[in-house]
Amino acid sequence: MDGLAGLAGFQWLFIVCGLITLPVSFPSSLLSAVLFDVEFLPVQIATYGYVFFPNTPSTNTSMVFSSEERELAVARLPPRAETKLDRTIFRRVLGNWRWWIMCLIWIVGGELESIGASPSTFSFRKSVLGLLDLLVLVP
């Protein structure tokens, strides 16, 4: 569609993606605004998923998929591994390097989002700006 109606391909991508979201966003926004007096995207996505993709592929009764599509979805699933929930879960989770990387990302991301409200930022600003004030005032 690049060049169609004088628009670039990426512009058409935004238009098409925006039009796709309209049938989902308006009814769920209205429902969430009426029921909960809130309006945010997770409610819209959760409502859409609950209505159109209920259950799992093996027990899906959604009107969106045909029986052949359900069978294909079940056939594409990997074999289910036997897992157990016991006291070793703590050792398995805390011993995994991915857990610690995610914790580090969580901490750094939280600091980056709240950099203006962090106590360390206030003390840094106070010390640096106070020192700069002294340097400017001293002839």
Protein backbone atom coordinates (compact mmCIF):
# COMPACT_ATOMS: atom_id res chain seq x y z
CA MET A 1 0.00 0.00 0.00
CA ASP A 2 3.06 2.21 -0.11
CA GLY A 3 2.17 5.30 -2.11
CA LEU A 4 -1.58 4.63 -2.15
CA ALA A 5 -3.53 7.87 -1.66
CA GLY A 6 -0.22 9.67 -1.15
CA LEU A 7 0.54 7.87 2.12
CA ALA A 8 3.64 5.89 2.98
CA GLY A 9 3.42 2.24 3.99
CA PHE A 10 4.06 2.91 7.68
CA GLN A 11 1.24 5.47 7.71
CA TRP A 12 -1.16 2.87 6.34
CA LEU A 13 0.06 0.50 9.05
CA PHE A 14 -0.97 2.98 11.75
CA ILE A 15 -4.34 3.56 10.09
CA VAL A 16 -5.13 -0.14 9.71
CA CYS A 17 -4.00 -0.98 13.25
CA GLY A 18 -6.05 1.91 14.60
CA LEU A 19 -9.15 0.74 12.74
CA ILE A 20 -8.69 -2.81 14.03
CA THR A 21 -8.77 -1.59 17.64
CA LEU A 22 -12.00 0.38 17.31
CA PRO A 23 -14.47 -2.52 17.58
CA VAL A 24 -12.74 -3.70 20.75
CA SER A 25 -11.85 -0.43 22.43
CA PHE A 26 -15.16 1.40 22.30
CA PRO A 27 -17.48 -1.22 23.82
CA SER A 28 -15.02 -2.22 26.54
CA SER A 29 -14.20 1.42 27.33
CA LEU A 30 -17.87 2.18 27.67
CA LEU A 31 -18.42 -0.87 29.85
CA SER A 32 -15.47 -0.07 32.11
CA ALA A 33 -16.43 3.60 32.32
CA VAL A 34 -20.02 2.73 33.27
CA LEU A 35 -19.27 -0.09 35.71
CA PHE A 36 -16.01 0.97 37.33
CA ASP A 37 -15.70 4.67 36.50
CA VAL A 38 -12.27 3.95 34.99
CA GLU A 39 -10.93 3.74 31.49
CA PHE A 40 -7.67 1.98 30.76
CA LEU A 41 -6.27 -0.49 28.25
CA PRO A 42 -5.81 -3.63 30.42
CA VAL A 43 -9.56 -3.84 31.00
CA GLN A 44 -10.14 -3.66 27.26
CA ILE A 45 -7.61 -6.37 26.48
CA ALA A 46 -8.87 -8.62 29.27
CA THR A 47 -12.47 -8.24 28.14
CA TYR A 48 -11.55 -9.04 24.55
CA GLY A 49 -9.55 -12.09 25.60
CA TYR A 50 -12.26 -13.37 27.92
CA VAL A 51 -14.99 -13.06 25.29
CA PHE A 52 -13.14 -14.33 22.23
CA PHE A 53 -10.53 -16.73 23.64
CA PRO A 54 -12.06 -18.53 26.62
CA ASN A 55 -10.49 -21.67 28.09
CA THR A 56 -7.42 -23.40 26.70
CA PRO A 57 -6.97 -24.80 23.18
CA SER A 58 -8.01 -28.27 24.30
CA THR A 59 -11.26 -27.06 25.92
CA ASN A 60 -12.02 -24.04 23.73
CA THR A 61 -15.67 -23.49 22.81
CA SER A 62 -15.27 -20.03 21.29
CA MET A 63 -17.40 -19.11 18.31
CA VAL A 64 -14.36 -17.57 16.61
CA PHE A 65 -12.61 -20.86 15.83
CA SER A 66 -13.84 -23.79 13.77
CA SER A 67 -13.37 -27.37 14.95
CA GLU A 68 -10.50 -27.85 12.47
CA GLU A 69 -8.72 -24.78 13.86
CA ARG A 70 -9.17 -26.07 17.42
CA GLU A 71 -7.71 -29.45 16.45
CA LEU A 72 -4.76 -27.72 14.77
CA ALA A 73 -4.14 -25.61 17.88
CA VAL A 74 -4.16 -28.71 20.12
CA ALA A 75 -1.85 -30.58 17.73
CA ARG A 76 0.66 -27.71 17.78
CA LEU A 77 0.91 -27.66 21.58
CA PRO A 78 4.12 -29.10 23.01
CA PRO A 79 3.76 -32.13 25.27
CA ARG A 80 2.88 -31.11 28.79
CA ALA A 81 5.75 -31.55 31.20
CA GLU A 82 5.03 -33.01 34.60
CA THR A 83 5.60 -30.33 37.22
CA LYS A 84 5.01 -30.37 40.90
CA LEU A 85 4.49 -27.62 43.40
CA ASP A 86 6.42 -28.31 46.56
CA ARG A 87 9.13 -26.76 48.74
CA THR A 88 11.75 -27.12 46.03
CA ILE A 89 10.04 -24.36 44.05
CA PHE A 90 11.97 -21.76 46.05
CA ARG A 91 15.30 -23.38 45.22
CA ARG A 92 14.33 -23.76 41.57
CA VAL A 93 13.22 -20.13 41.21
CA LEU A 94 15.88 -18.45 43.33
CA GLY A 95 18.60 -20.59 41.78
CA ASN A 96 17.68 -19.50 38.27
CA TRP A 97 19.78 -16.69 36.79
CA ARG A 98 16.78 -15.36 34.89
CA TRP A 99 15.09 -14.49 38.21
CA TRP A 100 18.00 -12.32 39.29
CA ILE A 101 18.30 -10.56 35.91
CA MET A 102 14.58 -9.77 36.05
CA CYS A 103 14.98 -8.41 39.59
CA LEU A 104 17.83 -6.17 38.41
CA ILE A 105 15.77 -4.93 35.45
CA TRP A 106 12.82 -4.29 37.78
CA ILE A 107 14.93 -2.25 40.21
CA VAL A 108 16.71 -0.22 37.54
CA GLY A 109 13.47 0.37 35.63
CA GLY A 110 11.73 1.55 38.78
CA GLU A 111 14.52 3.99 39.50
CA LEU A 112 14.48 5.29 35.95
CA GLU A 113 10.73 5.87 36.05
CA SER A 114 10.87 7.74 39.35
CA ILE A 115 14.16 9.53 38.96
CA GLY A 116 12.69 12.86 39.98
CA ALA A 117 11.10 11.47 43.13
CA SER A 118 13.98 9.30 44.31
CA PRO A 119 15.61 10.33 47.61
CA SER A 120 19.03 9.73 46.12
CA THR A 121 18.23 12.20 43.36
CA PHE A 122 17.20 14.83 45.90
CA SER A 123 20.43 14.49 47.85
CA PHE A 124 22.45 14.53 44.61
CA ARG A 125 20.72 17.69 43.44
CA LYS A 126 21.18 19.32 46.82
CA SER A 127 24.89 18.53 46.95
CA VAL A 128 25.66 19.39 43.32
CA LEU A 129 23.47 22.48 43.10
CA GLY A 130 24.69 23.69 46.48
CA LEU A 131 28.29 23.30 45.32
CA LEU A 132 27.49 25.10 42.07
CA ASP A 133 25.89 27.95 44.02
CA LEU A 134 29.05 28.29 46.06
CA LEU A 135 31.22 28.31 42.94
CA VAL A 136 29.06 30.97 41.29
CA LEU A 137 28.92 33.19 44.39
CA VAL A 138 32.65 33.08 45.11
CA PRO A 139 34.42 35.73 43.01
